[in-house]
PDB file of N, CA and C in Angstrom:
ATOM      1  N   MET A   1      93.090 116.102  99.432  1.00  0.00           N
ATOM      2  CA  MET A   1      93.045 116.850  98.497  1.00  0.00           C
ATOM      3  C   MET A   1      94.097 116.489  97.616  1.00  0.00           C
ATOM      4  N   VAL A   2      93.347 116.484  96.191  1.00  0.00           N
ATOM      5  CA  VAL A   2      93.842 116.198  94.936  1.00  0.00           C
ATOM      6  C   VAL A   2      94.194 117.332  94.174  1.00  0.00           C
ATOM      7  N   ILE A   3      95.217 118.064  93.532  1.00  0.00           N
ATOM      8  CA  ILE A   3      95.337 119.007  92.675  1.00  0.00           C
ATOM      9  C   ILE A   3      95.869 118.371  91.548  1.00  0.00           C
ATOM     10  N   TRP A   4      94.725 118.455  90.327  1.00  0.00           N
ATOM     11  CA  TRP A   4      95.187 117.897  88.952  1.00  0.00           C
ATOM     12  C   TRP A   4      95.489 119.123  88.054  1.00  0.00           C
ATOM     13  N   ILE A   5      96.711 119.286  87.365  1.00  0.00           N
ATOM     14  CA  ILE A   5      97.379 120.009  86.609  1.00  0.00           C
ATOM     15  C   ILE A   5      97.629 119.596  85.301  1.00  0.00           C
ATOM     16  N   ASN A   6      96.912 120.130  84.373  1.00  0.00           N
ATOM     17  CA  ASN A   6      96.925 119.630  83.309  1.00  0.00           C
ATOM     18  C   ASN A   6      97.187 120.420  82.039  1.00  0.00           C
ATOM     19  N   GLY A   7      97.470 120.084  80.929  1.00  0.00           N
ATOM     20  CA  GLY A   7      97.774 121.000  79.565  1.00  0.00           C
ATOM     21  C   GLY A   7      98.693 120.228  78.604  1.00  0.00           C
ATOM     22  N   LEU A   8      98.892 120.838  77.852  1.00  0.00           N
ATOM     23  CA  LEU A   8      99.827 120.334  76.733  1.00  0.00           C
ATOM     24  C   LEU A   8     101.188 119.898  76.907  1.00  0.00           C
ATOM     25  N   ALA A   9     101.711 119.042  76.282  1.00  0.00           N
ATOM     26  CA  ALA A   9     103.500 118.766  76.353  1.00  0.00           C
ATOM     27  C   ALA A   9     104.179 120.001  76.372  1.00  0.00           C
ATOM     28  N   GLY A  10     104.501 120.471  77.211  1.00  0.00           N
ATOM     29  CA  GLY A  10     105.898 121.877  77.054  1.00  0.00           C
ATOM     30  C   GLY A  10     105.340 122.839  77.725  1.00  0.00           C
ATOM     31  N   ALA A  11     103.806 122.862  78.415  1.00  0.00           N
ATOM     32  CA  ALA A  11     103.122 123.783  78.612  1.00  0.00           C
ATOM     33  C   ALA A  11     103.373 124.356  79.927  1.00  0.00           C
ATOM     34  N   GLY A  12     104.129 123.756  80.866  1.00  0.00           N
ATOM     35  CA  GLY A  12     104.976 123.724  82.031  1.00  0.00           C
ATOM     36  C   GLY A  12     104.328 123.547  83.404  1.00  0.00           C
ATOM     37  N   LYS A  13     103.678 122.255  83.083  1.00  0.00           N
ATOM     38  CA  LYS A  13     102.941 121.814  84.153  1.00  0.00           C
ATOM     39  C   LYS A  13     103.906 121.065  85.375  1.00  0.00           C
ATOM     40  N   THR A  14     104.963 120.678  84.790  1.00  0.00           N
ATOM     41  CA  THR A  14     105.653 120.193  86.152  1.00  0.00           C
ATOM     42  C   THR A  14     106.756 121.530  86.577  1.00  0.00           C
ATOM     43  N   THR A  15     107.248 122.569  85.916  1.00  0.00           N
ATOM     44  CA  THR A  15     107.455 123.272  86.631  1.00  0.00           C
ATOM     45  C   THR A  15     106.794 124.162  87.582  1.00  0.00           C
ATOM     46  N   THR A  16     105.137 124.080  87.224  1.00  0.00           N
ATOM     47  CA  THR A  16     104.268 124.535  87.823  1.00  0.00           C
ATOM     48  C   THR A  16     104.064 124.177  89.190  1.00  0.00           C
ATOM     49  N   ALA A  17     104.192 122.353  88.961  1.00  0.00           N
ATOM     50  CA  ALA A  17     103.567 121.314  90.080  1.00  0.00           C
ATOM     51  C   ALA A  17     104.849 121.604  91.085  1.00  0.00           C
ATOM     52  N   LYS A  18     106.105 121.561  90.770  1.00  0.00           N
ATOM     53  CA  LYS A  18     107.283 121.545  91.803  1.00  0.00           C
ATOM     54  C   LYS A  18     107.126 122.844  92.289  1.00  0.00           C
ATOM     55  N   ALA A  19     106.815 123.957  91.894  1.00  0.00           N
ATOM     56  CA  ALA A  19     106.534 124.919  92.596  1.00  0.00           C
ATOM     57  C   ALA A  19     105.686 125.081  93.283  1.00  0.00           C
ATOM     58  N   LEU A  20     104.685 124.837  93.160  1.00  0.00           N
ATOM     59  CA  LEU A  20     103.093 124.386  93.944  1.00  0.00           C
ATOM     60  C   LEU A  20     103.223 123.482  95.263  1.00  0.00           C
ATOM     61  N   CYS A  21     104.369 122.640  95.251  1.00  0.00           N
ATOM     62  CA  CYS A  21     104.557 121.289  95.900  1.00  0.00           C
ATOM     63  C   CYS A  21     105.810 121.974  96.845  1.00  0.00           C
ATOM     64  N   ALA A  22     106.641 123.043  96.662  1.00  0.00           N
ATOM     65  CA  ALA A  22     107.450 123.365  97.283  1.00  0.00           C
ATOM     66  C   ALA A  22     106.706 124.298  98.268  1.00  0.00           C
ATOM     67  N   LYS A  23     105.670 125.168  97.764  1.00  0.00           N
ATOM     68  CA  LYS A  23     104.838 126.389  98.421  1.00  0.00           C
ATOM     69  C   LYS A  23     103.895 125.346  99.640  1.00  0.00           C
ATOM     70  N   LEU A  24     103.277 123.983  99.094  1.00  0.00           N
ATOM     71  CA  LEU A  24     102.696 123.076  99.892  1.00  0.00           C
ATOM     72  C   LEU A  24     103.328 122.718 101.354  1.00  0.00           C
ATOM     73  N   GLU A  25     104.202 122.149 100.667  1.00  0.00           N
ATOM     74  CA  GLU A  25     105.710 121.642 101.744  1.00  0.00           C
ATOM     75  C   GLU A  25     105.673 122.699 102.816  1.00  0.00           C
ATOM     76  N   GLU A  26     106.229 123.913 102.264  1.00  0.00           N
ATOM     77  CA  GLU A  26     106.345 125.110 103.281  1.00  0.00           C
ATOM     78  C   GLU A  26     105.136 125.300 104.470  1.00  0.00           C
ATOM     79  N   LEU A  27     103.942 125.347 103.648  1.00  0.00           N
ATOM     80  CA  LEU A  27     102.797 125.657 104.314  1.00  0.00           C
ATOM     81  C   LEU A  27     102.373 124.184 105.623  1.00  0.00           C
ATOM     82  N   HIS A  28     102.865 122.894 105.001  1.00  0.00           N
ATOM     83  CA  HIS A  28     102.473 122.055 105.801  1.00  0.00           C
ATOM     84  C   HIS A  28     103.946 121.993 106.949  1.00  0.00           C
ATOM     85  N   ALA A  29     105.106 122.226 107.003  1.00  0.00           N
ATOM     86  CA  ALA A  29     105.763 122.699 107.748  1.00  0.00           C
ATOM     87  C   ALA A  29     105.752 123.325 108.654  1.00  0.00           C
ATOM     88  N   LYS A  30     104.797 124.354 108.507  1.00  0.00           N
ATOM     89  CA  LYS A  30     104.147 125.389 109.327  1.00  0.00           C
ATOM     90  C   LYS A  30     102.847 125.041 110.515  1.00  0.00           C
ATOM     91  N   GLY A  31     102.410 123.872 109.746  1.00  0.00           N
ATOM     92  CA  GLY A  31     101.227 123.366 110.528  1.00  0.00           C
ATOM     93  C   GLY A  31     100.013 124.349 109.630  1.00  0.00           C
ATOM     94  N   GLU A  32     100.293 124.926 108.666  1.00  0.00           N
ATOM     95  CA  GLU A  32      99.061 125.610 107.784  1.00  0.00           C
ATOM     96  C   GLU A  32      98.243 124.589 106.677  1.00  0.00           C
ATOM     97  N   LEU A  33      99.080 123.904 106.341  1.00  0.00           N
ATOM     98  CA  LEU A  33      98.013 122.680 105.631  1.00  0.00           C
ATOM     99  C   LEU A  33      98.007 121.226 106.390  1.00  0.00           C
ATOM    100  N   LYS A  34      96.669 121.285 106.348  1.00  0.00           N
ATOM    101  CA  LYS A  34      96.468 120.034 107.494  1.00  0.00           C
ATOM    102  C   LYS A  34      96.521 118.899 106.463  1.00  0.00           C
ATOM    103  N   SER A  35      97.763 118.122 106.563  1.00  0.00           N
ATOM    104  CA  SER A  35      97.431 116.911 105.541  1.00  0.00           C
ATOM    105  C   SER A  35      98.785 116.277 106.245  1.00  0.00           C
ATOM    106  N   LYS A  36      98.903 114.783 105.982  1.00  0.00           N
ATOM    107  CA  LYS A  36     100.444 114.024 106.335  1.00  0.00           C
ATOM    108  C   LYS A  36     101.313 114.319 105.530  1.00  0.00           C
ATOM    109  N   GLY A  37     101.324 115.142 104.519  1.00  0.00           N
ATOM    110  CA  GLY A  37     102.767 115.527 103.384  1.00  0.00           C
ATOM    111  C   GLY A  37     101.894 116.001 102.308  1.00  0.00           C
ATOM    112  N   VAL A  38     102.795 116.035 101.329  1.00  0.00           N
ATOM    113  CA  VAL A  38     102.679 116.537  99.711  1.00  0.00           C
ATOM    114  C   VAL A  38     103.391 115.395  99.149  1.00  0.00           C
ATOM    115  N   ILE A  39     102.298 114.788  98.157  1.00  0.00           N
ATOM    116  CA  ILE A  39     103.026 113.815  97.043  1.00  0.00           C
ATOM    117  C   ILE A  39     102.522 114.415  95.806  1.00  0.00           C
ATOM    118  N   TYR A  40     103.700 114.176  95.022  1.00  0.00           N
ATOM    119  CA  TYR A  40     103.664 114.877  93.276  1.00  0.00           C
ATOM    120  C   TYR A  40     103.731 113.574  92.747  1.00  0.00           C
ATOM    121  N   THR A  41     102.731 113.444  91.660  1.00  0.00           N
ATOM    122  CA  THR A  41     103.037 112.400  90.755  1.00  0.00           C
ATOM    123  C   THR A  41     102.736 112.916  89.519  1.00  0.00           C
ATOM    124  N   ASP A  42     103.367 112.285  88.479  1.00  0.00           N
ATOM    125  CA  ASP A  42     103.380 112.553  86.960  1.00  0.00           C
ATOM    126  C   ASP A  42     103.232 111.478  85.887  1.00  0.00           C
ATOM    127  N   GLY A  43     102.219 112.222  85.165  1.00  0.00           N
ATOM    128  CA  GLY A  43     101.647 111.020  84.160  1.00  0.00           C
ATOM    129  C   GLY A  43     102.743 110.133  83.445  1.00  0.00           C
ATOM    130  N   ASP A  44     103.826 110.744  83.176  1.00  0.00           N
ATOM    131  CA  ASP A  44     104.948 110.356  82.687  1.00  0.00           C
ATOM    132  C   ASP A  44     105.272 109.322  83.342  1.00  0.00           C
ATOM    133  N   ASP A  45     105.887 109.222  84.251  1.00  0.00           N
ATOM    134  CA  ASP A  45     106.164 108.403  85.289  1.00  0.00           C
ATOM    135  C   ASP A  45     104.971 107.313  85.814  1.00  0.00           C
ATOM    136  N   PHE A  46     104.154 107.543  85.639  1.00  0.00           N
ATOM    137  CA  PHE A  46     103.065 106.647  86.031  1.00  0.00           C
ATOM    138  C   PHE A  46     103.099 105.846  84.640  1.00  0.00           C
ATOM    139  N   ARG A  47     103.219 105.834  83.733  1.00  0.00           N
ATOM    140  CA  ARG A  47     103.519 105.308  82.250  1.00  0.00           C
ATOM    141  C   ARG A  47     104.525 104.495  82.481  1.00  0.00           C
ATOM    142  N   GLU A  48     105.920 104.935  83.075  1.00  0.00           N
ATOM    143  CA  GLU A  48     107.046 104.202  83.224  1.00  0.00           C
ATOM    144  C   GLU A  48     106.811 103.377  84.212  1.00  0.00           C
ATOM    145  N   VAL A  49     106.326 103.582  85.436  1.00  0.00           N
ATOM    146  CA  VAL A  49     105.971 102.250  86.495  1.00  0.00           C
ATOM    147  C   VAL A  49     105.374 101.219  86.124  1.00  0.00           C
ATOM    148  N   PHE A  50     104.523 101.378  84.927  1.00  0.00           N
ATOM    149  CA  PHE A  50     103.562 100.438  84.520  1.00  0.00           C
ATOM    150  C   PHE A  50     104.231  99.913  83.116  1.00  0.00           C
ATOM    151  N   GLU A  51     105.446 100.017  82.868  1.00  0.00           N
ATOM    152  CA  GLU A  51     106.247  99.477  81.591  1.00  0.00           C
ATOM    153  C   GLU A  51     105.474  99.812  80.237  1.00  0.00           C
ATOM    154  N   HIS A  52     104.906 101.177  80.022  1.00  0.00           N
ATOM    155  CA  HIS A  52     104.115 101.652  78.843  1.00  0.00           C
ATOM    156  C   HIS A  52     102.948 100.675  78.645  1.00  0.00           C
ATOM    157  N   SER A  53     102.481 100.007  79.552  1.00  0.00           N
ATOM    158  CA  SER A  53     101.611  99.029  79.222  1.00  0.00           C
ATOM    159  C   SER A  53     100.227  99.684  78.370  1.00  0.00           C
ATOM    160  N   PHE A  54     100.135 101.121  78.625  1.00  0.00           N
ATOM    161  CA  PHE A  54      98.960 101.792  78.170  1.00  0.00           C
ATOM    162  C   PHE A  54      98.845 102.249  76.915  1.00  0.00           C
ATOM    163  N   GLY A  55      98.564 102.139  75.924  1.00  0.00           N
ATOM    164  CA  GLY A  55      98.118 102.780  74.806  1.00  0.00           C
ATOM    165  C   GLY A  55      97.899 104.496  74.730  1.00  0.00           C
ATOM    166  N   TYR A  56      97.819 104.880  73.537  1.00  0.00           N
ATOM    167  CA  TYR A  56      97.568 106.155  73.145  1.00  0.00           C
ATOM    168  C   TYR A  56      96.231 106.360  72.539  1.00  0.00           C
ATOM    169  N   SER A  57      95.454 105.751  72.520  1.00  0.00           N
ATOM    170  CA  SER A  57      94.003 105.745  71.616  1.00  0.00           C
ATOM    171  C   SER A  57      93.466 106.423  72.849  1.00  0.00           C
ATOM    172  N   LYS A  58      92.275 106.865  72.153  1.00  0.00           N
ATOM    173  CA  LYS A  58      91.451 107.623  73.140  1.00  0.00           C
ATOM    174  C   LYS A  58      91.026 106.734  74.287  1.00  0.00           C
ATOM    175  N   GLU A  59      90.268 105.759  74.262  1.00  0.00           N
ATOM    176  CA  GLU A  59      89.939 104.461  75.055  1.00  0.00           C
ATOM    177  C   GLU A  59      91.284 104.412  76.030  1.00  0.00           C
ATOM    178  N   ALA A  60      92.224 104.098  75.427  1.00  0.00           N
ATOM    179  CA  ALA A  60      93.391 103.912  76.490  1.00  0.00           C
ATOM    180  C   ALA A  60      93.950 105.057  77.198  1.00  0.00           C
ATOM    181  N   ARG A  61      93.992 106.152  76.849  1.00  0.00           N
ATOM    182  CA  ARG A  61      94.385 107.418  77.390  1.00  0.00           C
ATOM    183  C   ARG A  61      93.189 107.493  78.743  1.00  0.00           C
ATOM    184  N   ILE A  62      92.026 107.458  78.133  1.00  0.00           N
ATOM    185  CA  ILE A  62      90.958 107.375  79.556  1.00  0.00           C
ATOM    186  C   ILE A  62      91.047 106.382  80.622  1.00  0.00           C
ATOM    187  N   ASN A  63      91.496 105.234  79.971  1.00  0.00           N
ATOM    188  CA  ASN A  63      91.697 104.158  80.977  1.00  0.00           C
ATOM    189  C   ASN A  63      92.647 104.519  81.701  1.00  0.00           C
ATOM    190  N   ILE A  64      94.083 105.276  81.529  1.00  0.00           N
ATOM    191  CA  ILE A  64      94.889 105.357  82.464  1.00  0.00           C
ATOM    192  C   ILE A  64      94.707 106.741  83.002  1.00  0.00           C
ATOM    193  N   THR A  65      93.702 107.589  82.639  1.00  0.00           N
ATOM    194  CA  THR A  65      93.633 108.494  83.507  1.00  0.00           C
ATOM    195  C   THR A  65      92.718 107.996  84.630  1.00  0.00           C
ATOM    196  N   ARG A  66      91.888 107.311  84.741  1.00  0.00           N
ATOM    197  CA  ARG A  66      90.982 106.583  85.792  1.00  0.00           C
ATOM    198  C   ARG A  66      91.929 105.933  86.614  1.00  0.00           C
ATOM    199  N   LYS A  67      92.940 105.460  86.112  1.00  0.00           N
ATOM    200  CA  LYS A  67      93.972 104.233  86.671  1.00  0.00           C
ATOM    201  C   LYS A  67      94.632 105.572  87.741  1.00  0.00           C
ATOM    202  N   LYS A  68      95.107 106.864  87.036  1.00  0.00           N
ATOM    203  CA  LYS A  68      96.204 107.699  87.899  1.00  0.00           C
ATOM    204  C   LYS A  68      95.069 108.343  88.934  1.00  0.00           C
ATOM    205  N   ILE A  69      93.651 108.932  88.555  1.00  0.00           N
ATOM    206  CA  ILE A  69      93.126 109.466  89.545  1.00  0.00           C
ATOM    207  C   ILE A  69      92.643 108.554  90.717  1.00  0.00           C
ATOM    208  N   ALA A  70      92.463 107.162  90.250  1.00  0.00           N
ATOM    209  CA  ALA A  70      92.419 106.419  91.468  1.00  0.00           C
ATOM    210  C   ALA A  70      93.338 106.513  92.383  1.00  0.00           C
ATOM    211  N   LEU A  71      94.702 106.474  91.814  1.00  0.00           N
ATOM    212  CA  LEU A  71      96.177 106.218  93.169  1.00  0.00           C
ATOM    213  C   LEU A  71      95.964 107.680  93.494  1.00  0.00           C
ATOM    214  N   CYS A  72      95.444 108.794  93.008  1.00  0.00           N
ATOM    215  CA  CYS A  72      95.249 110.123  93.694  1.00  0.00           C
ATOM    216  C   CYS A  72      94.596 109.866  94.816  1.00  0.00           C
ATOM    217  N   VAL A  73      93.790 109.465  94.451  1.00  0.00           N
ATOM    218  CA  VAL A  73      92.321 109.306  95.358  1.00  0.00           C
ATOM    219  C   VAL A  73      92.700 108.425  96.695  1.00  0.00           C
ATOM    220  N   ALA A  74      93.405 107.567  96.414  1.00  0.00           N
ATOM    221  CA  ALA A  74      93.719 106.397  97.772  1.00  0.00           C
ATOM    222  C   ALA A  74      94.840 107.025  98.391  1.00  0.00           C
ATOM    223  N   LEU A  75      95.829 107.831  97.648  1.00  0.00           N
ATOM    224  CA  LEU A  75      96.714 108.695  98.738  1.00  0.00           C
ATOM    225  C   LEU A  75      95.933 109.767  99.182  1.00  0.00           C
ATOM    226  N   ALA A  76      95.006 110.290  98.777  1.00  0.00           N
ATOM    227  CA  ALA A  76      94.424 111.334  99.172  1.00  0.00           C
ATOM    228  C   ALA A  76      93.479 111.046 100.478  1.00  0.00           C
ATOM    229  N   LYS A  77      93.053 109.974 100.291  1.00  0.00           N
ATOM    230  CA  LYS A  77      92.045 109.072 101.538  1.00  0.00           C
ATOM    231  C   LYS A  77      93.084 109.106 102.868  1.00  0.00           C
ATOM    232  N   GLN A  78      94.372 108.778 102.465  1.00  0.00           N
ATOM    233  CA  GLN A  78      95.378 108.539 103.679  1.00  0.00           C
ATOM    234  C   GLN A  78      95.639 109.707 104.148  1.00  0.00           C
ATOM    235  N   GLY A  79      95.310 110.896 103.600  1.00  0.00           N
ATOM    236  CA  GLY A  79      95.633 112.156 104.490  1.00  0.00           C
ATOM    237  C   GLY A  79      96.654 113.070 103.822  1.00  0.00           C
ATOM    238  N   PHE A  80      97.100 112.708 102.623  1.00  0.00           N
ATOM    239  CA  PHE A  80      98.099 113.494 101.669  1.00  0.00           C
ATOM    240  C   PHE A  80      97.415 114.157 100.961  1.00  0.00           C
ATOM    241  N   CYS A  81      97.979 115.173 100.449  1.00  0.00           N
ATOM    242  CA  CYS A  81      97.889 116.393  99.653  1.00  0.00           C
ATOM    243  C   CYS A  81      98.637 115.682  98.324  1.00  0.00           C
ATOM    244  N   VAL A  82      97.808 115.428  97.850  1.00  0.00           N
ATOM    245  CA  VAL A  82      98.373 115.097  96.246  1.00  0.00           C
ATOM    246  C   VAL A  82      98.328 116.025  95.030  1.00  0.00           C
ATOM    247  N   VAL A  83      99.321 116.340  94.191  1.00  0.00           N
ATOM    248  CA  VAL A  83      99.663 117.415  93.267  1.00  0.00           C
ATOM    249  C   VAL A  83      99.704 115.850  91.751  1.00  0.00           C
ATOM    250  N   HIS A  84      99.107 116.104  90.744  1.00  0.00           N
ATOM    251  CA  HIS A  84      99.237 115.184  89.826  1.00  0.00           C
ATOM    252  C   HIS A  84      99.401 115.820  88.684  1.00  0.00           C
ATOM    253  N   THR A  85     100.428 115.931  87.584  1.00  0.00           N
ATOM    254  CA  THR A  85     100.401 116.390  86.110  1.00  0.00           C
ATOM    255  C   THR A  85     100.307 115.386  85.070  1.00  0.00           C
ATOM    256  N   ALA A  86      99.509 116.002  84.298  1.00  0.00           N
ATOM    257  CA  ALA A  86      99.018 115.221  83.277  1.00  0.00           C
ATOM    258  C   ALA A  86      98.625 115.847  81.831  1.00  0.00           C
ATOM    259  N   ILE A  87      98.704 115.291  80.604  1.00  0.00           N
ATOM    260  CA  ILE A  87      98.015 115.926  79.227  1.00  0.00           C
ATOM    261  C   ILE A  87      96.691 115.002  79.678  1.00  0.00           C
ATOM    262  N   SER A  88      95.717 115.485  79.902  1.00  0.00           N
ATOM    263  CA  SER A  88      94.471 114.839  80.099  1.00  0.00           C
ATOM    264  C   SER A  88      93.491 115.801  78.888  1.00  0.00           C
ATOM    265  N   LEU A  89      93.101 114.980  77.912  1.00  0.00           N
ATOM    266  CA  LEU A  89      92.552 115.297  76.735  1.00  0.00           C
ATOM    267  C   LEU A  89      91.090 115.356  76.616  1.00  0.00           C
ATOM    268  N   PHE A  90      90.631 114.878  77.454  1.00  0.00           N
ATOM    269  CA  PHE A  90      89.097 114.620  77.114  1.00  0.00           C
ATOM    270  C   PHE A  90      88.449 115.034  78.526  1.00  0.00           C
ATOM    271  N   ASN A  91      87.174 115.864  78.268  1.00  0.00           N
ATOM    272  CA  ASN A  91      86.202 115.940  79.308  1.00  0.00           C
ATOM    273  C   ASN A  91      85.567 114.922  80.235  1.00  0.00           C
ATOM    274  N   GLU A  92      85.532 113.737  79.703  1.00  0.00           N
ATOM    275  CA  GLU A  92      85.173 112.680  80.713  1.00  0.00           C
ATOM    276  C   GLU A  92      85.846 112.149  81.422  1.00  0.00           C
ATOM    277  N   CYS A  93      87.493 112.668  81.162  1.00  0.00           N
ATOM    278  CA  CYS A  93      88.273 112.345  82.102  1.00  0.00           C
ATOM    279  C   CYS A  93      88.208 113.344  83.368  1.00  0.00           C
ATOM    280  N   TYR A  94      88.134 114.496  83.300  1.00  0.00           N
ATOM    281  CA  TYR A  94      87.769 115.555  84.137  1.00  0.00           C
ATOM    282  C   TYR A  94      86.370 115.666  84.811  1.00  0.00           C
ATOM    283  N   GLN A  95      85.276 114.972  84.232  1.00  0.00           N
ATOM    284  CA  GLN A  95      84.043 114.635  84.656  1.00  0.00           C
ATOM    285  C   GLN A  95      84.180 113.326  85.590  1.00  0.00           C
ATOM    286  N   HIS A  96      85.050 112.239  85.285  1.00  0.00           N
ATOM    287  CA  HIS A  96      85.234 111.299  86.385  1.00  0.00           C
ATOM    288  C   HIS A  96      85.813 111.629  87.689  1.00  0.00           C
ATOM    289  N   ASN A  97      87.077 112.638  87.127  1.00  0.00           N
ATOM    290  CA  ASN A  97      87.950 112.742  88.354  1.00  0.00           C
ATOM    291  C   ASN A  97      87.280 113.653  89.397  1.00  0.00           C
ATOM    292  N   ARG A  98      86.212 114.665  88.882  1.00  0.00           N
ATOM    293  CA  ARG A  98      85.546 115.417  89.854  1.00  0.00           C
ATOM    294  C   ARG A  98      84.348 114.587  90.562  1.00  0.00           C
ATOM    295  N   GLU A  99      83.790 113.526  89.898  1.00  0.00           N
ATOM    296  CA  GLU A  99      82.947 112.808  90.630  1.00  0.00           C
ATOM    297  C   GLU A  99      83.627 111.784  91.590  1.00  0.00           C
ATOM    298  N   LEU A 100      84.744 111.077  91.461  1.00  0.00           N
ATOM    299  CA  LEU A 100      85.244 110.390  92.113  1.00  0.00           C
ATOM    300  C   LEU A 100      85.904 111.076  93.396  1.00  0.00           C
ATOM    301  N   CYS A 101      86.326 112.573  93.252  1.00  0.00           N
ATOM    302  CA  CYS A 101      86.846 113.024  94.543  1.00  0.00           C
ATOM    303  C   CYS A 101      85.706 113.316  95.284  1.00  0.00           C
ATOM    304  N   GLU A 102      84.285 113.764  94.576  1.00  0.00           N
ATOM    305  CA  GLU A 102      83.252 114.499  95.307  1.00  0.00           C
ATOM    306  C   GLU A 102      82.735 113.067  96.292  1.00  0.00           C
ATOM    307  N   LYS A 103      82.674 111.881  95.580  1.00  0.00           N
ATOM    308  CA  LYS A 103      82.227 110.672  96.186  1.00  0.00           C
ATOM    309  C   LYS A 103      82.912 110.149  97.238  1.00  0.00           C
ATOM    310  N   ASN A 104      84.347 110.594  97.116  1.00  0.00           N
ATOM    311  CA  ASN A 104      85.111 110.239  98.307  1.00  0.00           C
ATOM    312  C   ASN A 104      85.409 111.749  99.504  1.00  0.00           C
ATOM    313  N   HIS A 105      84.720 112.344  99.196  1.00  0.00           N
ATOM    314  CA  HIS A 105      84.607 114.049 100.203  1.00  0.00           C
ATOM    315  C   HIS A 105      85.875 114.263 100.157  1.00  0.00           C
ATOM    316  N   LEU A 106      86.459 114.157  99.302  1.00  0.00           N
ATOM    317  CA  LEU A 106      87.696 114.957  98.943  1.00  0.00           C
ATOM    318  C   LEU A 106      87.894 116.055  97.951  1.00  0.00           C
ATOM    319  N   LYS A 107      88.252 117.423  98.088  1.00  0.00           N
ATOM    320  CA  LYS A 107      88.550 118.670  97.954  1.00  0.00           C
ATOM    321  C   LYS A 107      89.482 118.223  96.382  1.00  0.00           C
ATOM    322  N   TYR A 108      88.782 118.771  95.247  1.00  0.00           N
ATOM    323  CA  TYR A 108      89.687 118.736  94.013  1.00  0.00           C
ATOM    324  C   TYR A 108      89.640 119.889  93.046  1.00  0.00           C
ATOM    325  N   ILE A 109      90.844 120.346  92.848  1.00  0.00           N
ATOM    326  CA  ILE A 109      91.431 121.688  92.092  1.00  0.00           C
ATOM    327  C   ILE A 109      91.912 121.358  90.791  1.00  0.00           C
ATOM    328  N   GLU A 110      91.430 121.581  89.610  1.00  0.00           N
ATOM    329  CA  GLU A 110      91.671 121.332  88.381  1.00  0.00           C
ATOM    330  C   GLU A 110      92.107 122.721  87.836  1.00  0.00           C
ATOM    331  N   ILE A 111      93.590 122.368  87.595  1.00  0.00           N
ATOM    332  CA  ILE A 111      94.429 123.616  87.022  1.00  0.00           C
ATOM    333  C   ILE A 111      94.720 123.329  85.490  1.00  0.00           C
ATOM    334  N   TYR A 112      94.390 124.093  84.538  1.00  0.00           N
ATOM    335  CA  TYR A 112      94.950 123.885  83.237  1.00  0.00           C
ATOM    336  C   TYR A 112      95.929 124.903  82.764  1.00  0.00           C
ATOM    337  N   ILE A 113      97.019 124.693  82.516  1.00  0.00           N
ATOM    338  CA  ILE A 113      98.134 125.777  82.347  1.00  0.00           C
ATOM    339  C   ILE A 113      97.916 126.070  80.571  1.00  0.00           C
ATOM    340  N   LYS A 114      97.906 127.007  80.063  1.00  0.00           N
ATOM    341  CA  LYS A 114      97.538 127.275  78.910  1.00  0.00           C
ATOM    342  C   LYS A 114      99.113 127.988  78.399  1.00  0.00           C
ATOM    343  N   CYS A 115      99.693 127.602  77.107  1.00  0.00           N
ATOM    344  CA  CYS A 115     100.893 128.153  76.497  1.00  0.00           C
ATOM    345  C   CYS A 115     100.504 128.288  74.933  1.00  0.00           C
ATOM    346  N   PRO A 116     100.991 129.296  74.491  1.00  0.00           N
ATOM    347  CA  PRO A 116     100.722 129.447  72.982  1.00  0.00           C
ATOM    348  C   PRO A 116     101.840 128.438  72.471  1.00  0.00           C
ATOM    349  N   THR A 117     101.166 127.704  71.207  1.00  0.00           N
ATOM    350  CA  THR A 117     101.794 127.086  70.216  1.00  0.00           C
ATOM    351  C   THR A 117     103.326 127.483  69.572  1.00  0.00           C
ATOM    352  N   GLY A 118     103.429 128.163  69.495  1.00  0.00           N
ATOM    353  CA  GLY A 118     104.797 128.756  69.251  1.00  0.00           C
ATOM    354  C   GLY A 118     105.830 128.312  70.478  1.00  0.00           C
ATOM    355  N   VAL A 119     105.406 128.636  71.580  1.00  0.00           N
ATOM    356  CA  VAL A 119     106.671 128.196  72.711  1.00  0.00           C
ATOM    357  C   VAL A 119     106.215 126.985  72.923  1.00  0.00           C
ATOM    358  N   LEU A 120     105.364 126.235  73.236  1.00  0.00           N
ATOM    359  CA  LEU A 120     105.152 124.659  73.231  1.00  0.00           C
ATOM    360  C   LEU A 120     106.269 124.064  71.990  1.00  0.00           C
ATOM    361  N   GLU A 121     106.176 124.694  70.590  1.00  0.00           N
ATOM    362  CA  GLU A 121     106.933 124.393  69.696  1.00  0.00           C
ATOM    363  C   GLU A 121     108.436 124.217  70.460  1.00  0.00           C
ATOM    364  N   LYS A 122     108.971 125.258  70.706  1.00  0.00           N
ATOM    365  CA  LYS A 122     110.147 125.427  71.512  1.00  0.00           C
ATOM    366  C   LYS A 122     110.685 124.708  72.397  1.00  0.00           C
ATOM    367  N   ARG A 123     109.502 124.509  73.165  1.00  0.00           N
ATOM    368  CA  ARG A 123     110.069 123.459  74.349  1.00  0.00           C
ATOM    369  C   ARG A 123     109.826 122.142  74.319  1.00  0.00           C
ATOM    370  N   ASP A 124     109.410 121.696  73.225  1.00  0.00           N
ATOM    371  CA  ASP A 124     109.283 120.368  72.565  1.00  0.00           C
ATOM    372  C   ASP A 124     110.381 119.354  72.651  1.00  0.00           C
ATOM    373  N   GLN A 125     110.387 118.766  73.818  1.00  0.00           N
ATOM    374  CA  GLN A 125     111.839 117.654  74.691  1.00  0.00           C
ATOM    375  C   GLN A 125     111.785 116.712  73.916  1.00  0.00           C
ATOM    376  N   LYS A 126     110.211 116.026  73.729  1.00  0.00           N
ATOM    377  CA  LYS A 126     110.102 114.624  73.237  1.00  0.00           C
ATOM    378  C   LYS A 126     109.555 114.520  72.000  1.00  0.00           C
ATOM    379  N   GLY A 127     109.842 115.457  71.019  1.00  0.00           N
ATOM    380  CA  GLY A 127     109.917 115.665  69.712  1.00  0.00           C
ATOM    381  C   GLY A 127     108.125 115.176  69.490  1.00  0.00           C
ATOM    382  N   LEU A 128     107.382 115.709  70.147  1.00  0.00           N
ATOM    383  CA  LEU A 128     105.819 115.466  69.855  1.00  0.00           C
ATOM    384  C   LEU A 128     105.540 116.550  68.730  1.00  0.00           C
TER     385      LEU A 128
END
């Protein structure tokens, strides 16, 4: 299973994902979640691992999203429940994610975290 949590910077994606992962790990420990475990991946961490070798143009963002979902799918195919957070901006990314998970017979859940602009501005930790 792949759970893709998206929204703008400061929307609460990481907070939501960590709470969700804790709940999923609890269910896993009780045997109520059939998986090898829960893995959390984050879009910012992904960029850091690859030394920011991806740009921020539309094409670059689509390219990195394809790589992120490929990693998530690879982990899910091994039996893990994968939760990923990202600022996913383009419908073609969501469509590709859905198609790749479907092709690999994986459950795909997409969650959009909506947050008012004023709150986003107050939470802006990165100066965006």
